[in-house]
Protein backbone atom coordinates (compact mmCIF):
# COMPACT_ATOMS: atom_id res chain seq x y z
CA UNK A 1 -35.02 115.54 -18.97
CA UNK A 2 -33.22 113.13 -21.27
CA UNK A 3 -30.80 110.35 -20.39
CA UNK A 4 -28.34 110.51 -17.59
CA UNK A 5 -24.59 110.92 -17.46
CA UNK A 6 -22.34 109.76 -14.63
CA UNK A 7 -20.02 112.24 -12.95
CA UNK A 8 -17.68 111.98 -10.04
CA UNK A 9 -18.00 114.84 -7.56
CA UNK A 10 -16.41 115.51 -4.23
CA UNK A 11 -18.30 116.56 -1.13
CA UNK A 12 -17.32 117.32 2.44
CA UNK A 13 -17.78 114.07 4.36
CA UNK A 14 -20.11 115.63 6.94
CA UNK A 15 -22.40 116.98 4.21
CA UNK A 16 -22.47 113.64 2.40
CA UNK A 17 -23.34 111.85 5.65
CA UNK A 18 -26.13 114.34 6.37
CA UNK A 19 -27.61 113.64 2.93
CA UNK A 20 -27.29 109.88 3.39
CA UNK A 21 -29.01 110.09 6.77
CA UNK A 22 -31.93 111.96 5.19
CA UNK A 23 -32.39 109.93 2.01
CA UNK A 24 -31.38 106.46 3.10
CA UNK A 25 -29.57 103.79 1.14
CA UNK A 26 -29.56 104.40 -2.60
CA UNK A 27 -31.13 107.85 -2.31
CA UNK A 28 -27.92 109.84 -2.60
CA UNK A 29 -27.74 109.50 -6.39
CA UNK A 30 -31.30 110.81 -6.80
CA UNK A 31 -30.75 113.61 -4.29
CA UNK A 32 -27.83 115.20 -6.14
CA UNK A 33 -29.61 116.07 -9.42
CA UNK A 34 -32.64 117.28 -7.45
CA UNK A 35 -30.37 119.55 -5.41
CA UNK A 36 -28.72 120.87 -8.57
CA UNK A 37 -32.11 121.58 -10.17
CA UNK A 38 -33.19 123.40 -7.01
CA UNK A 39 -30.01 125.51 -6.98
CA UNK A 40 -30.48 126.49 -10.63
CA UNK A 41 -34.15 127.38 -10.00
CA UNK A 42 -33.18 129.57 -7.03
CA UNK A 43 -30.50 131.34 -9.07
CA UNK A 44 -33.02 131.98 -11.85
CA UNK A 45 -35.51 133.30 -9.31
CA UNK A 46 -32.84 135.66 -7.98
CA UNK A 47 -32.22 136.90 -11.53
CA UNK A 48 -35.95 137.50 -12.04
CA UNK A 49 -36.17 139.45 -8.78
CA UNK A 50 -33.08 141.50 -9.66
CA UNK A 51 -34.50 142.34 -13.10
CA UNK A 52 -37.85 143.30 -11.56
CA UNK A 53 -36.24 145.48 -8.92
CA UNK A 54 -33.99 147.16 -11.49
CA UNK A 55 -37.12 148.24 -13.40
CA UNK A 56 -39.50 148.83 -10.48
CA UNK A 57 -37.52 149.43 -7.30
CA UNK A 58 -37.30 147.12 -4.28
CA UNK A 59 -40.08 144.64 -3.60
CA UNK A 60 -42.41 145.62 -0.79
CA UNK A 61 -42.94 143.42 2.24
CA UNK A 62 -46.43 142.62 0.95
CA UNK A 63 -45.02 141.52 -2.43
CA UNK A 64 -42.44 139.31 -0.74
CA UNK A 65 -45.10 137.68 1.45
CA UNK A 66 -47.34 137.10 -1.59
CA UNK A 67 -44.44 135.43 -3.41
CA UNK A 68 -43.72 133.26 -0.36
CA UNK A 69 -47.37 132.18 -0.27
CA UNK A 70 -47.19 131.13 -3.93
CA UNK A 71 -43.92 129.25 -3.37
CA UNK A 72 -45.51 127.50 -0.39
CA UNK A 73 -48.55 126.64 -2.54
CA UNK A 74 -50.83 128.81 -0.40
CA UNK A 75 -52.87 130.56 -3.05
CA UNK A 76 -55.50 131.90 -0.68
CA UNK A 77 -56.19 135.60 -1.14
CA UNK A 78 -54.29 137.97 1.10
CA UNK A 79 -55.72 140.84 3.19
């Protein structure tokens, strides 16, 4: 990523406090762009799944579990 830009965003106080409790002092500013990147990645993943299912039908339970294993970095072969 390139440089950074400052933005002012609002957040429910309870959510902001939960983040602060998890990341500690000074971590809030780093947490926000990470959270945004994660949200965008999850939306893109949803689009990929929707496209796949439109062409191939619903994913099977085995396919979902295999995808979970990859996302959890468990690349061991399945049954």
